[in-house]
Amino acid sequence: VQLQASGGGLVQAGDSLKLSCAASGFALRRAAVAWFRQAPGKEREFVIAFPRNNNKALYEDSVKGRFTISRDNTENTVYLQMNSLKPEDSAVYYCAASSTIIFSSLRTSSMWSYWGQGTLVTVSS
């Protein structure tokens, strides 16, 4: 199983960015998928997720109304659309997937089965 995250970069505050997470060896269609992020010196934190067999997203409060998760089953890829970016959104963003994780564990990084390698997002003020 491999998750390949991409799309990070350097943007200005207020800009948009779209991250991709392409999976191989694992079907994302019915799996739980998520994005986490980790800023320097901080713990990895939950950003957003789709539960298993469900496309109703769970959000971290600070990204509500700005970030959207979506998936393309044909491409076996999950996306994170980030709008109105703020400097505090700067971090390495990781995608995660699991076919077994339960809803109450979605925010817990240790409960996810598979991880992408991370893609760096830097938002300048």
Protein backbone atom coordinates (compact mmCIF):
# COMPACT_ATOMS: atom_id res chain seq x y z
CA VAL A 1 0.00 0.00 0.00
CA GLN A 2 1.30 3.40 -0.91
CA LEU A 3 -0.14 6.87 -0.46
CA GLN A 4 1.54 9.61 -2.43
CA ALA A 5 0.78 13.15 -1.28
CA SER A 6 1.55 16.11 -3.49
CA GLY A 7 0.57 19.68 -4.24
CA GLY A 8 2.21 21.60 -1.44
CA GLY A 9 4.03 24.84 -1.99
CA LEU A 10 4.62 28.41 -0.95
CA VAL A 11 1.59 30.71 -1.15
CA GLN A 12 0.47 34.00 0.28
CA ALA A 13 -2.20 34.49 2.91
CA GLY A 14 -5.63 34.38 1.30
CA ASP A 15 -4.52 32.13 -1.53
CA SER A 16 -5.80 28.65 -2.34
CA LEU A 17 -4.01 25.36 -2.75
CA LYS A 18 -5.16 21.86 -3.62
CA LEU A 19 -3.38 18.82 -2.26
CA SER A 20 -3.66 15.35 -3.76
CA CYS A 21 -3.20 11.93 -2.24
CA ALA A 22 -3.00 9.11 -4.74
CA ALA A 23 -3.30 5.55 -3.48
CA SER A 24 -1.93 2.34 -4.89
CA GLY A 25 -2.56 -1.14 -3.58
CA PHE A 26 -5.54 0.10 -1.59
CA ALA A 27 -8.99 1.21 -2.71
CA LEU A 28 -10.02 4.54 -1.23
CA ARG A 29 -13.61 4.34 -2.41
CA ARG A 30 -15.13 3.02 0.79
CA ALA A 31 -12.23 3.61 3.11
CA ALA A 32 -11.89 6.30 5.70
CA VAL A 33 -9.49 8.96 4.47
CA ALA A 34 -8.06 11.95 6.26
CA TRP A 35 -5.62 14.80 6.19
CA PHE A 36 -3.45 15.66 9.16
CA ARG A 37 -0.82 18.35 9.48
CA GLN A 38 2.26 18.93 11.55
CA ALA A 39 3.89 22.28 12.10
CA PRO A 40 7.51 22.54 13.30
CA GLY A 41 7.77 21.73 17.00
CA LYS A 42 4.15 20.67 17.23
CA GLU A 43 2.32 17.39 17.30
CA ARG A 44 0.54 16.05 14.27
CA GLU A 45 -3.02 17.33 14.30
CA PHE A 46 -6.22 16.27 12.64
CA VAL A 47 -7.54 18.47 9.84
CA ILE A 48 -10.37 16.74 8.02
CA ALA A 49 -11.68 13.26 7.20
CA PHE A 50 -14.26 11.17 5.46
CA PRO A 51 -15.42 8.25 7.61
CA ARG A 52 -15.73 4.75 6.12
CA ASN A 53 -18.56 4.36 3.61
CA ASN A 54 -19.50 7.99 4.12
CA ASN A 55 -18.82 11.25 2.33
CA LYS A 56 -19.95 13.50 5.16
CA ALA A 57 -16.76 15.18 6.26
CA LEU A 58 -15.51 15.68 9.79
CA TYR A 59 -13.62 18.97 10.22
CA GLU A 60 -11.25 20.48 12.67
CA ASP A 61 -12.89 23.72 13.76
CA SER A 62 -10.21 26.07 12.44
CA VAL A 63 -10.63 24.88 8.84
CA LYS A 64 -14.42 24.81 8.64
CA GLY A 65 -15.64 26.87 5.72
CA ARG A 66 -12.14 27.04 4.22
CA PHE A 67 -11.03 23.44 3.59
CA THR A 68 -12.87 20.73 1.67
CA ILE A 69 -12.07 17.06 1.25
CA SER A 70 -13.13 15.13 -1.81
CA ARG A 71 -12.31 11.88 -3.53
CA ASP A 72 -12.14 10.69 -7.10
CA ASN A 73 -12.86 6.98 -7.11
CA THR A 74 -11.78 6.59 -10.72
CA GLU A 75 -8.37 8.05 -9.95
CA ASN A 76 -8.24 6.46 -6.47
CA THR A 77 -7.21 9.85 -5.18
CA VAL A 78 -8.27 12.07 -2.31
CA TYR A 79 -7.99 15.83 -2.46
CA LEU A 80 -7.77 18.63 0.05
CA GLN A 81 -8.92 21.98 -1.29
CA MET A 82 -7.64 24.75 0.94
CA ASN A 83 -9.02 28.25 0.51
CA SER A 84 -8.39 31.49 2.37
CA LEU A 85 -5.11 30.15 3.65
CA LYS A 86 -3.59 31.67 6.77
CA PRO A 87 0.01 31.64 8.01
CA GLU A 88 -1.07 29.32 10.83
CA ASP A 89 -2.02 26.73 8.20
CA SER A 90 1.67 26.30 7.40
CA ALA A 91 2.70 22.71 8.05
CA VAL A 92 3.57 19.42 6.49
CA TYR A 93 0.30 17.87 5.40
CA TYR A 94 -0.16 14.11 5.53
CA CYS A 95 -2.89 11.97 4.08
CA ALA A 96 -4.04 8.84 5.84
CA ALA A 97 -6.34 5.95 5.05
CA SER A 98 -7.91 3.04 6.84
CA SER A 99 -10.49 0.41 6.06
CA THR A 100 -11.15 -0.36 9.72
CA ILE A 101 -11.02 2.86 11.72
CA ILE A 102 -14.17 3.74 13.64
CA PHE A 103 -15.77 7.18 13.71
CA SER A 104 -14.73 8.01 17.26
CA SER A 105 -11.07 7.43 16.35
CA LEU A 106 -10.89 9.59 13.23
CA ARG A 107 -9.07 12.42 15.02
CA THR A 108 -6.44 10.08 16.50
CA SER A 109 -3.38 9.78 14.28
CA SER A 110 -2.21 6.49 15.81
CA MET A 111 -5.42 4.74 14.74
CA TRP A 112 -4.83 5.20 11.02
CA SER A 113 -3.37 2.32 9.01
CA TYR A 114 -1.65 3.96 6.09
CA TRP A 115 0.15 7.28 5.66
CA GLY A 116 1.49 9.35 2.82
CA GLN A 117 4.92 10.91 3.01
CA GLY A 118 3.75 14.47 3.58
CA THR A 119 3.76 17.60 1.49
CA LEU A 120 4.89 21.00 2.78
CA VAL A 121 2.55 23.96 2.74
CA THR A 122 3.95 27.36 3.62
CA VAL A 123 1.69 30.38 3.84
CA SER A 124 3.39 33.75 3.99
CA SER A 125 1.73 36.77 5.59
